Amino acid sequence: MSTVRSPGGPSPLLLRWRAAGLLPAVAFVVVAAVVSPLAFVGVQAAQAGWEQAHRLLGRPLIATLLWNTATLALAVTFATAVLGFGAAYLVERTDLPGRRWWTVALALPLAVPEFVRGYSWVSLTGSVRGYWGAVLVMTCSLYPLVFLPVAATLRRADTAAEEVSRSLGRGPFATLWRVTLPLARPALAGGALLVSLYLLGEYGAFAMLRFTTFATAIFSEYKLGFDAASAALLTLVLVALALLLVLLEATAGRRGRTARRATAGRSAAPARLGRWTAPALAALTALVATALGVPVYALGYWLVRGSSTTLPQASVLTAALTTLGYAAVSALVATATAVPVALYAWRRDSRLARAAESAAYLTRALPGIAVALSVVYFAIRYAQPLYQQPPMLVAGYAVLYFPLALTAVRAALAQVPPGVEEVARSLGTRPAAVLARITLPLVLPGLGAAAAMVALTASTELTAALLLRPTGTETLATRFWTYTSGLAYGAAAPYAALMVALSVPPVLLLTRRTLGADPRTETTR
């Protein structure tokens, strides 16, 4: 059967073929750009040669870095797992007074960037340094990454197994250990992975606490020694550690049970704390006071008693506007480029589509300094006019936070009614028109949320900004770092306070979207 051509134009079959082939092509170009930092690390490490690699990796410093990084990751991951799970259990499975208030209070420490938290402790006391200082600061910073997913899992999980356990005579602690903990294991493993990956890539807090890790050593090799090859070799070791953590999390997650959604109109009675109510409230109060109270007190102290009042307001305002400008543009770029990748994975349930989507998440395993170095390398070798220009910082932010945008866009697409695009196409609407008139309007709130989260996360980024910002340009994070490096804690306080203030709204939004409405209150309506 011959294909009927429209006068003066290509056939409908050719148009459909072009439309079908365009989306995968754009998606793979975006994925290739996003994962290019991994290729950069490999190329740079290969240029060092076997002799230099053997000499560098055989130095005693490498053993020290491995020991510092591994022991810190184990200690902080264990501490955050215990605190995050314990807090989530108290909020979601007991009759703890003020559960809704505690949920918000326990999540708010995420609004304080790690390097600001390190500044808060160091500026108040010189005893919080080294290994134990790093354990304290990072545990207070990162336990919400475990608390939020575990609390969401417990809130939405079917409570039948726990009810059966109690009906068989098992006490609350036996039920907690044998039923509730296995139920939350996938969320616990995912949160622990996020904590570990954050630890691998963190630079600012550890530099302030005088604790050497791979991230601080990589930054020193490049910024102080101008040795990109050695920095790449160290980054390769860091990436290997990150991939090992991803494999361990996948193994732990497969062992976990699947949390079933609670039946509508029904919820289990919370476990009674009884005489444990006062100790539980005291423990949560101490946790929130340490994780949130200390930074708030330090910022207030230095704002009032420091030298911040002598700073020109224009300096703070300029840094804030610069930060918001770069963050907004980066959010638009990251969200716009995430759309074709998410659409391709959503429309094509194939191994190739899933592989492309999974590859886009690989940048989670890279520290910010590795992404920044790859952007610098590309600009110097292939785009010299862009070196130390605004597009470099935008590109670094977009690559760093592309996985965050992709996750949000993919979640928004999951809410689109199934088959809606097929119905529109069956009525003769072209794919581009279906995308513009139906799909994008349906996911527009999700795109807005993705852009907002990326923008407000990028506004507190430090490592990439230190390497990629144009000459003479200062963000809130770099300005803050300049003052703290000179021990001008009072002058740094306004910049830190602004970063915290900008981070509070997305944390509240994240808490609301992650946990949603409390089923225990819904069933009583």
Protein backbone atom coordinates (compact mmCIF):
# COMPACT_ATOMS: atom_id res chain seq x y z
CA MET A 1 0.00 0.00 0.00
CA SER A 2 1.50 3.31 -1.04
CA THR A 3 1.85 6.24 1.31
CA VAL A 4 -0.17 9.32 0.38
CA ARG A 5 1.90 12.46 0.42
CA SER A 6 0.49 15.88 1.16
CA PRO A 7 1.21 18.39 -1.59
CA GLY A 8 4.50 20.15 -1.07
CA GLY A 9 5.45 18.38 2.16
CA PRO A 10 6.76 15.13 3.69
CA SER A 11 4.52 12.16 4.23
CA PRO A 12 2.64 11.66 7.54
CA LEU A 13 4.67 8.48 8.07
CA LEU A 14 7.92 10.44 7.80
CA LEU A 15 6.61 13.09 10.20
CA ARG A 16 5.69 10.40 12.73
CA TRP A 17 9.12 8.79 12.34
CA ARG A 18 10.86 12.12 12.92
CA ALA A 19 8.73 12.88 15.95
CA ALA A 20 9.33 9.43 17.39
CA GLY A 21 13.08 9.66 16.86
CA LEU A 22 13.54 13.21 18.11
CA LEU A 23 12.68 12.57 21.76
CA PRO A 24 15.19 9.71 22.28
CA ALA A 25 17.89 11.73 20.49
CA VAL A 26 17.37 14.77 22.72
CA ALA A 27 17.16 12.57 25.82
CA PHE A 28 20.45 10.82 25.07
CA VAL A 29 22.21 14.10 24.30
CA VAL A 30 21.11 15.44 27.69
CA VAL A 31 22.17 12.26 29.49
CA ALA A 32 25.55 12.33 27.75
CA ALA A 33 26.10 15.92 28.89
CA VAL A 34 25.05 15.13 32.45
CA VAL A 35 27.32 12.08 32.81
CA SER A 36 30.25 13.79 31.05
CA PRO A 37 31.94 14.56 34.42
CA LEU A 38 32.43 10.82 34.86
CA ALA A 39 34.17 10.67 31.49
CA PHE A 40 36.30 13.66 32.47
CA VAL A 41 37.43 11.94 35.66
CA GLY A 42 38.44 8.86 33.68
CA VAL A 43 40.30 10.83 31.00
CA GLN A 44 42.16 12.98 33.50
CA ALA A 45 43.12 9.97 35.59
CA ALA A 46 44.39 8.17 32.49
CA GLN A 47 46.57 11.15 31.56
CA ALA A 48 48.41 10.82 34.83
CA GLY A 49 49.90 7.52 33.71
CA TRP A 50 50.52 4.34 35.69
CA GLU A 51 53.71 5.59 37.27
CA GLN A 52 52.17 8.77 38.67
CA ALA A 53 49.02 6.90 39.69
CA HIS A 54 51.04 4.27 41.54
CA ARG A 55 53.13 6.92 43.25
CA LEU A 56 50.10 8.98 44.28
CA LEU A 57 47.88 6.11 45.39
CA GLY A 58 50.76 4.51 47.27
CA ARG A 59 51.35 7.55 49.47
CA PRO A 60 50.51 7.23 53.17
CA LEU A 61 48.09 10.12 52.69
CA ILE A 62 45.75 7.86 50.72
CA ALA A 63 45.51 5.41 53.60
CA THR A 64 44.77 8.31 55.94
CA LEU A 65 42.08 9.64 53.61
CA LEU A 66 40.51 6.20 53.30
CA TRP A 67 40.52 5.73 57.05
CA ASN A 68 39.11 9.20 57.75
CA THR A 69 36.41 8.88 55.10
CA ALA A 70 35.40 5.31 55.96
CA THR A 71 35.29 5.75 59.72
CA LEU A 72 33.42 9.04 59.44
CA ALA A 73 30.91 7.53 57.01
CA LEU A 74 30.31 4.53 59.27
CA ALA A 75 29.90 6.62 62.42
CA VAL A 76 27.64 9.29 60.90
CA THR A 77 25.56 6.81 58.91
CA PHE A 78 24.97 4.68 61.99
CA ALA A 79 24.15 7.71 64.15
CA THR A 80 21.77 9.23 61.59
CA ALA A 81 20.08 5.84 61.06
CA VAL A 82 19.45 5.45 64.78
CA LEU A 83 18.30 9.04 65.29
CA GLY A 84 16.27 9.23 62.08
CA PHE A 85 14.47 5.92 62.60
CA GLY A 86 13.92 6.56 66.30
CA ALA A 87 12.44 10.00 65.68
CA ALA A 88 10.24 8.69 62.86
CA TYR A 89 8.96 5.86 65.04
CA LEU A 90 8.11 8.21 67.90
CA VAL A 91 6.27 10.60 65.57
CA GLU A 92 4.40 8.03 63.48
CA ARG A 93 3.83 5.01 65.74
CA THR A 94 3.34 6.36 69.27
CA ASP A 95 1.02 8.72 71.12
CA LEU A 96 3.78 11.32 71.44
CA PRO A 97 2.26 14.74 72.25
CA GLY A 98 2.52 17.31 69.43
CA ARG A 99 3.43 14.88 66.66
CA ARG A 100 2.71 17.37 63.83
CA TRP A 101 4.90 20.04 65.45
CA TRP A 102 7.70 17.57 66.03
CA THR A 103 7.59 16.50 62.37
CA VAL A 104 8.33 20.05 61.23
CA ALA A 105 10.91 20.71 63.95
CA LEU A 106 12.83 17.50 63.18
CA ALA A 107 12.98 18.32 59.45
CA LEU A 108 14.03 21.98 59.78
CA PRO A 109 17.77 21.27 60.35
CA LEU A 110 17.92 20.55 56.62
CA ALA A 111 17.55 24.31 56.11
CA VAL A 112 21.01 24.89 57.59
CA PRO A 113 23.81 24.12 55.08
CA GLU A 114 26.55 21.88 56.42
CA PHE A 115 29.27 24.54 56.14
CA VAL A 116 27.04 27.06 57.97
CA ARG A 117 26.52 24.52 60.73
CA GLY A 118 30.29 23.99 60.96
CA TYR A 119 30.74 27.76 61.18
CA SER A 120 28.15 27.92 63.97
CA TRP A 121 30.00 25.45 66.16
CA VAL A 122 33.53 26.63 65.38
CA SER A 123 32.64 30.29 65.96
CA LEU A 124 31.26 29.49 69.43
CA THR A 125 33.85 26.99 70.64
CA GLY A 126 37.21 25.75 69.42
CA SER A 127 36.68 22.27 70.87
CA VAL A 128 34.39 21.11 68.05
CA ARG A 129 37.04 20.17 65.49
CA GLY A 130 38.60 17.06 64.04
CA TYR A 131 36.93 13.67 63.81
CA TRP A 132 34.42 13.95 66.64
CA GLY A 133 33.54 17.49 65.67
CA ALA A 134 32.83 16.24 62.13
CA VAL A 135 30.70 13.38 63.48
CA LEU A 136 28.66 15.80 65.61
CA VAL A 137 28.16 18.44 62.93
CA MET A 138 27.33 16.01 60.09
CA THR A 139 25.01 13.91 62.24
CA CYS A 140 23.02 17.01 63.18
CA SER A 141 22.94 18.07 59.53
CA LEU A 142 22.01 14.80 57.86
CA TYR A 143 19.72 12.81 60.17
CA PRO A 144 16.60 14.38 58.47
CA LEU A 145 17.60 12.54 55.28
CA VAL A 146 16.76 9.33 57.17
CA PHE A 147 13.90 10.73 59.23
CA LEU A 148 11.82 11.97 56.29
CA PRO A 149 11.73 8.81 54.12
CA VAL A 150 11.28 6.51 57.13
CA ALA A 151 8.45 8.67 58.51
CA ALA A 152 6.77 8.72 55.09
CA THR A 153 7.04 4.93 54.85
CA LEU A 154 5.63 4.35 58.31
CA ARG A 155 2.80 6.81 57.69
CA ARG A 156 1.68 5.08 54.49
CA ALA A 157 2.45 1.49 55.49
CA ASP A 158 -0.19 -1.11 56.29
CA THR A 159 -0.24 -1.60 60.06
CA ALA A 160 -1.85 -5.06 59.99
CA ALA A 161 1.40 -6.92 60.65
CA GLU A 162 2.15 -4.78 63.70
CA GLU A 163 -1.38 -5.31 65.04
CA VAL A 164 -1.04 -9.07 64.61
CA SER A 165 2.31 -9.00 66.40
CA ARG A 166 0.80 -7.20 69.37
CA SER A 167 -2.22 -9.50 69.43
CA LEU A 168 0.17 -12.45 69.76
CA GLY A 169 1.52 -10.99 72.98
CA ARG A 170 4.68 -9.33 71.71
CA GLY A 171 5.57 -6.11 73.46
CA PRO A 172 6.20 -2.79 71.71
CA PHE A 173 9.98 -3.30 71.58
CA ALA A 174 9.69 -6.81 70.12
CA THR A 175 7.19 -5.55 67.53
CA LEU A 176 9.50 -2.64 66.74
CA TRP A 177 12.49 -4.90 66.16
CA ARG A 178 10.81 -7.78 64.32
CA VAL A 179 8.08 -6.01 62.32
CA THR A 180 8.43 -2.22 62.10
CA LEU A 181 12.17 -2.11 61.43
CA PRO A 182 12.05 -4.63 58.53
CA LEU A 183 9.05 -2.74 57.14
CA ALA A 184 11.06 0.48 56.98
CA ARG A 185 14.32 -1.13 55.81
CA PRO A 186 14.18 0.10 52.17
CA ALA A 187 13.57 3.70 53.27
CA LEU A 188 16.22 3.36 55.96
CA ALA A 189 18.73 2.03 53.43
CA GLY A 190 17.90 4.81 50.95
CA GLY A 191 18.32 7.49 53.60
CA ALA A 192 21.59 5.99 54.75
CA LEU A 193 22.85 6.03 51.15
CA LEU A 194 22.02 9.73 50.81
CA VAL A 195 23.86 10.43 54.06
CA SER A 196 26.94 8.53 52.89
CA LEU A 197 27.00 10.25 49.49
CA TYR A 198 26.67 13.67 51.13
CA LEU A 199 29.62 12.82 53.38
CA LEU A 200 31.79 11.81 50.44
CA GLY A 201 31.25 15.08 48.60
CA GLU A 202 31.19 17.59 51.46
CA TYR A 203 34.03 20.10 51.51
CA GLY A 204 33.09 23.30 53.35
CA ALA A 205 32.17 21.82 56.73
CA PHE A 206 35.25 19.58 56.87
CA ALA A 207 37.58 22.39 55.84
CA MET A 208 36.16 24.52 58.63
CA LEU A 209 36.41 21.69 61.16
CA ARG A 210 40.03 20.95 60.14
CA PHE A 211 39.21 17.36 59.20
CA THR A 212 40.84 15.94 56.05
CA THR A 213 38.78 13.80 53.67
CA PHE A 214 38.98 12.97 49.98
CA ALA A 215 36.89 16.05 49.10
CA THR A 216 39.21 18.44 50.95
CA ALA A 217 42.30 16.72 49.49
CA ILE A 218 40.89 16.96 45.95
CA PHE A 219 40.17 20.66 46.39
CA SER A 220 43.68 21.25 47.74
CA GLU A 221 45.32 19.35 44.86
CA TYR A 222 43.55 21.49 42.30
CA LYS A 223 43.27 24.88 43.99
CA LEU A 224 46.62 24.94 45.75
CA GLY A 225 48.78 22.54 43.74
CA PHE A 226 47.17 23.12 40.31
CA ASP A 227 47.47 19.38 39.74
CA ALA A 228 44.36 18.32 37.82
CA ALA A 229 45.64 14.78 37.17
CA SER A 230 46.20 14.03 40.86
CA ALA A 231 42.84 15.57 41.69
CA ALA A 232 41.20 13.31 39.09
CA LEU A 233 42.88 10.20 40.51
CA LEU A 234 41.59 11.03 43.98
CA THR A 235 38.16 11.73 42.53
CA LEU A 236 38.21 8.33 40.83
CA VAL A 237 38.76 6.68 44.21
CA LEU A 238 35.91 8.73 45.64
CA VAL A 239 33.60 7.70 42.78
CA ALA A 240 34.52 4.05 43.37
CA LEU A 241 33.56 4.43 47.02
CA ALA A 242 30.28 6.05 46.03
CA LEU A 243 29.43 3.27 43.57
CA LEU A 244 30.23 0.70 46.25
CA LEU A 245 27.77 2.44 48.56
CA VAL A 246 25.11 2.41 45.81
CA LEU A 247 25.56 -1.36 45.37
CA LEU A 248 25.33 -1.94 49.12
CA GLU A 249 22.14 0.11 49.30
CA ALA A 250 20.62 -1.83 46.41
CA THR A 251 21.37 -5.09 48.21
CA ALA A 252 19.88 -3.85 51.48
CA GLY A 253 16.85 -2.43 49.69
CA ARG A 254 16.07 -5.74 47.96
CA ARG A 255 16.00 -7.45 51.33
CA GLY A 256 13.44 -5.04 52.69
CA ARG A 257 9.74 -5.60 52.63
CA THR A 258 7.42 -3.54 50.54
CA ALA A 259 5.37 -1.11 52.57
CA ARG A 260 1.73 -1.55 51.66
CA ARG A 261 -0.54 1.44 51.69
CA ALA A 262 -2.91 1.69 54.59
CA THR A 263 -6.54 0.84 54.01
CA ALA A 264 -8.83 3.86 53.64
CA GLY A 265 -10.71 4.83 56.74
CA ARG A 266 -8.64 2.63 58.99
CA SER A 267 -5.47 3.09 61.06
CA ALA A 268 -3.80 1.36 63.93
CA ALA A 269 -3.93 2.78 67.41
CA PRO A 270 -0.57 4.36 68.28
CA ALA A 271 1.59 2.59 70.83
CA ARG A 272 1.31 4.12 74.28
CA LEU A 273 4.52 5.57 75.64
CA GLY A 274 3.31 5.76 79.22
CA ARG A 275 6.24 6.37 81.54
CA TRP A 276 8.51 6.75 78.51
CA THR A 277 6.73 9.95 77.40
CA ALA A 278 8.98 12.30 79.38
CA PRO A 279 12.26 10.64 78.27
CA ALA A 280 11.06 10.63 74.65
CA LEU A 281 10.20 14.33 74.77
CA ALA A 282 13.52 15.10 76.45
CA ALA A 283 15.45 13.17 73.77
CA LEU A 284 13.67 14.92 70.88
CA THR A 285 14.11 18.30 72.56
CA ALA A 286 17.84 17.68 72.97
CA LEU A 287 18.12 16.60 69.32
CA VAL A 288 16.30 19.65 67.94
CA ALA A 289 18.15 21.99 70.30
CA THR A 290 21.50 20.63 69.17
CA ALA A 291 20.71 20.40 65.46
CA LEU A 292 18.69 23.61 65.08
CA GLY A 293 19.12 25.62 68.26
CA VAL A 294 22.92 25.94 68.11
CA PRO A 295 23.04 27.36 64.54
CA VAL A 296 20.15 29.74 65.24
CA TYR A 297 21.81 30.92 68.46
CA ALA A 298 25.20 31.35 66.75
CA LEU A 299 23.71 33.38 63.89
CA GLY A 300 21.76 35.55 66.32
CA TYR A 301 24.82 36.05 68.51
CA TRP A 302 27.06 37.16 65.66
CA LEU A 303 24.36 39.31 64.08
CA VAL A 304 23.94 41.23 67.34
CA ARG A 305 27.44 41.20 68.80
CA GLY A 306 29.63 40.77 65.76
CA SER A 307 30.82 43.29 63.22
CA SER A 308 28.08 42.53 60.70
CA THR A 309 26.34 45.83 61.39
CA THR A 310 29.26 47.68 59.80
CA LEU A 311 28.82 45.90 56.47
CA PRO A 312 27.27 47.95 53.67
CA GLN A 313 23.76 46.70 52.98
CA ALA A 314 24.45 46.93 49.25
CA SER A 315 27.11 44.20 49.58
CA VAL A 316 24.67 41.75 51.18
CA LEU A 317 21.90 42.67 48.75
CA THR A 318 24.17 42.31 45.72
CA ALA A 319 25.33 38.87 46.83
CA ALA A 320 21.75 37.80 47.47
CA LEU A 321 20.54 38.99 44.05
CA THR A 322 23.51 37.35 42.33
CA THR A 323 22.83 34.09 44.15
CA LEU A 324 19.13 34.10 43.28
CA GLY A 325 19.88 35.01 39.65
CA TYR A 326 22.30 32.15 39.11
CA ALA A 327 20.10 29.73 41.03
CA ALA A 328 16.99 30.69 39.02
CA VAL A 329 18.69 30.32 35.63
CA SER A 330 20.27 27.03 36.68
CA ALA A 331 16.89 25.74 37.87
CA LEU A 332 15.28 26.59 34.54
CA VAL A 333 18.08 24.84 32.63
CA ALA A 334 18.04 21.74 34.86
CA THR A 335 14.24 21.43 34.77
CA ALA A 336 13.98 22.05 31.01
CA THR A 337 16.64 19.44 30.23
CA ALA A 338 15.07 16.95 32.63
CA VAL A 339 11.75 17.02 30.75
CA PRO A 340 12.87 15.07 27.62
CA VAL A 341 14.70 12.46 29.70
CA ALA A 342 11.71 11.97 32.00
CA LEU A 343 9.30 11.89 29.05
CA TYR A 344 11.39 9.30 27.24
CA ALA A 345 11.59 7.05 30.29
CA TRP A 346 7.86 7.54 30.97
CA ARG A 347 6.68 6.84 27.43
CA ARG A 348 9.08 4.03 26.57
CA ASP A 349 9.12 1.31 29.17
CA SER A 350 12.17 -0.37 27.66
CA ARG A 351 15.58 -1.39 28.93
CA LEU A 352 17.22 1.35 26.89
CA ALA A 353 14.93 4.01 28.35
CA ARG A 354 15.48 2.76 31.90
CA ALA A 355 19.23 2.66 31.31
CA ALA A 356 19.22 6.26 30.07
CA GLU A 357 17.27 7.41 33.10
CA SER A 358 19.49 5.48 35.51
CA ALA A 359 22.64 6.88 33.89
CA ALA A 360 21.36 10.40 34.49
CA TYR A 361 21.37 9.73 38.22
CA LEU A 362 25.07 8.82 38.24
CA THR A 363 26.06 12.40 39.07
CA ARG A 364 24.71 11.70 42.56
CA ALA A 365 27.88 9.70 43.08
CA LEU A 366 30.10 12.67 42.20
CA PRO A 367 31.15 15.41 44.63
CA GLY A 368 30.56 18.98 43.57
CA ILE A 369 34.26 19.54 43.07
CA ALA A 370 34.43 16.77 40.42
CA VAL A 371 31.61 18.37 38.45
CA ALA A 372 33.25 21.78 38.75
CA LEU A 373 36.59 20.44 37.56
CA SER A 374 34.96 18.81 34.53
CA VAL A 375 33.30 22.10 33.57
CA VAL A 376 36.63 23.93 33.96
CA TYR A 377 38.37 21.31 31.82
CA PHE A 378 35.75 21.59 29.06
CA ALA A 379 35.92 25.38 29.03
CA ILE A 380 39.72 25.49 28.88
CA ARG A 381 40.02 22.87 26.15
CA TYR A 382 36.96 23.47 23.96
CA ALA A 383 35.31 26.77 24.95
CA GLN A 384 38.05 29.15 26.03
CA PRO A 385 35.86 32.30 25.74
CA LEU A 386 33.51 30.81 28.35
CA TYR A 387 36.23 30.31 30.95
CA GLN A 388 35.30 32.12 34.18
CA GLN A 389 32.08 33.34 32.59
CA PRO A 390 28.50 33.00 33.94
CA PRO A 391 27.57 30.00 31.71
CA MET A 392 30.20 27.89 33.50
CA LEU A 393 28.57 28.34 36.91
CA VAL A 394 25.11 27.74 35.43
CA ALA A 395 26.33 24.55 33.77
CA GLY A 396 27.90 23.33 37.01
CA TYR A 397 24.72 23.94 39.00
CA ALA A 398 22.54 22.35 36.30
CA VAL A 399 24.63 19.17 36.18
CA LEU A 400 24.91 18.92 39.96
CA TYR A 401 21.18 19.21 40.55
CA PHE A 402 19.88 17.54 37.39
CA PRO A 403 19.00 14.35 39.33
CA LEU A 404 16.88 16.42 41.71
CA ALA A 405 14.98 17.98 38.79
CA LEU A 406 14.62 14.61 37.05
CA THR A 407 13.17 13.02 40.17
CA ALA A 408 10.58 15.79 40.53
CA VAL A 409 9.60 15.78 36.85
CA ARG A 410 9.33 11.98 36.80
CA ALA A 411 7.07 12.10 39.87
CA ALA A 412 4.88 14.72 38.17
CA LEU A 413 4.55 12.57 35.05
CA ALA A 414 3.52 9.62 37.20
CA GLN A 415 0.41 11.61 38.20
CA VAL A 416 -0.74 12.01 34.58
CA PRO A 417 -3.78 9.77 33.92
CA PRO A 418 -2.70 6.69 31.95
CA GLY A 419 -3.59 6.70 28.27
CA VAL A 420 -4.36 10.41 28.05
CA GLU A 421 -1.73 10.99 25.34
CA GLU A 422 -2.91 7.96 23.33
CA VAL A 423 -6.48 9.25 23.35
CA ALA A 424 -5.35 12.64 22.07
CA ARG A 425 -3.24 11.08 19.32
CA SER A 426 -6.10 8.81 18.28
CA LEU A 427 -8.11 11.98 17.60
CA GLY A 428 -5.49 13.12 15.11
CA THR A 429 -3.45 15.49 17.32
CA ARG A 430 0.24 15.62 16.51
CA PRO A 431 2.74 14.52 19.23
CA ALA A 432 4.13 18.04 19.63
CA ALA A 433 0.63 19.45 20.10
CA VAL A 434 -0.22 16.71 22.61
CA LEU A 435 2.88 17.61 24.59
CA ALA A 436 2.14 21.36 24.53
CA ARG A 437 -1.62 21.24 25.10
CA ILE A 438 -2.09 18.23 27.38
CA THR A 439 1.03 16.77 28.98
CA LEU A 440 2.90 19.93 29.97
CA PRO A 441 -0.16 21.68 31.50
CA LEU A 442 -0.82 18.58 33.60
CA VAL A 443 2.74 18.45 34.93
CA LEU A 444 3.24 22.22 35.20
CA PRO A 445 2.88 22.27 39.05
CA GLY A 446 5.51 19.53 39.25
CA LEU A 447 7.83 21.48 36.96
CA GLY A 448 7.42 24.53 39.16
CA ALA A 449 8.21 22.51 42.27
CA ALA A 450 11.28 21.00 40.57
CA ALA A 451 12.57 24.42 39.53
CA ALA A 452 11.98 25.85 43.01
CA MET A 453 13.79 22.99 44.73
CA VAL A 454 16.78 23.19 42.38
CA ALA A 455 17.00 26.98 42.69
CA LEU A 456 16.86 27.01 46.45
CA THR A 457 19.33 24.12 46.74
CA ALA A 458 21.75 25.78 44.35
CA SER A 459 21.57 29.01 46.36
CA THR A 460 23.53 27.33 49.18
CA GLU A 461 26.10 25.50 47.00
CA LEU A 462 29.72 26.30 47.90
CA THR A 463 32.33 24.06 46.26
CA ALA A 464 31.30 24.52 42.62
CA ALA A 465 30.78 28.25 43.18
CA LEU A 466 34.32 28.63 44.54
CA LEU A 467 35.76 27.13 41.35
CA LEU A 468 33.33 28.29 38.66
CA ARG A 469 32.19 31.78 39.59
CA PRO A 470 33.27 34.56 37.22
CA THR A 471 36.05 36.85 38.37
CA GLY A 472 34.66 39.51 40.69
CA THR A 473 31.35 37.72 41.20
CA GLU A 474 30.31 36.76 44.72
CA THR A 475 27.40 34.63 45.87
CA LEU A 476 26.11 34.36 49.42
CA ALA A 477 28.09 31.14 49.89
CA THR A 478 31.39 32.48 48.50
CA ARG A 479 31.05 35.76 50.40
CA PHE A 480 30.36 33.83 53.57
CA TRP A 481 33.39 31.63 52.89
CA THR A 482 35.65 34.63 52.34
CA TYR A 483 34.79 36.09 55.73
CA THR A 484 34.96 32.81 57.65
CA SER A 485 38.36 32.04 56.10
CA GLY A 486 39.57 35.24 57.72
CA LEU A 487 37.82 34.37 61.01
CA ALA A 488 35.48 37.35 60.54
CA TYR A 489 32.52 35.48 62.01
CA GLY A 490 30.41 38.57 62.60
CA ALA A 491 30.80 39.73 59.01
CA ALA A 492 29.85 36.26 57.74
CA ALA A 493 26.65 36.05 59.80
CA PRO A 494 24.30 38.05 57.49
CA TYR A 495 25.21 35.85 54.51
CA ALA A 496 24.67 32.69 56.52
CA ALA A 497 21.35 33.95 57.87
CA LEU A 498 20.12 34.74 54.36
CA MET A 499 21.07 31.26 53.11
CA VAL A 500 19.18 29.67 55.98
CA ALA A 501 16.16 31.89 55.38
CA LEU A 502 16.12 30.94 51.69
CA SER A 503 16.31 27.25 52.58
CA VAL A 504 13.39 27.16 55.02
CA PRO A 505 10.54 27.28 52.42
CA PRO A 506 11.77 24.28 50.37
CA VAL A 507 12.30 22.27 53.54
CA LEU A 508 8.72 22.95 54.62
CA LEU A 509 7.53 22.10 51.11
CA LEU A 510 9.58 18.90 51.15
CA THR A 511 8.11 17.93 54.51
CA ARG A 512 4.59 18.50 53.28
CA ARG A 513 5.06 16.68 49.97
CA THR A 514 6.97 13.76 51.50
CA LEU A 515 4.71 13.08 54.46
CA GLY A 516 1.40 14.44 53.19
CA ALA A 517 -1.67 14.42 55.36
CA ASP A 518 -1.76 12.39 58.52
CA PRO A 519 -4.01 9.37 57.97
CA ARG A 520 -4.74 9.27 61.69
CA THR A 521 -6.47 12.65 61.41
CA GLU A 522 -8.15 11.86 58.10
CA THR A 523 -9.92 8.78 59.43
CA THR A 524 -11.61 10.79 62.16
CA ARG A 525 -13.25 13.25 59.79
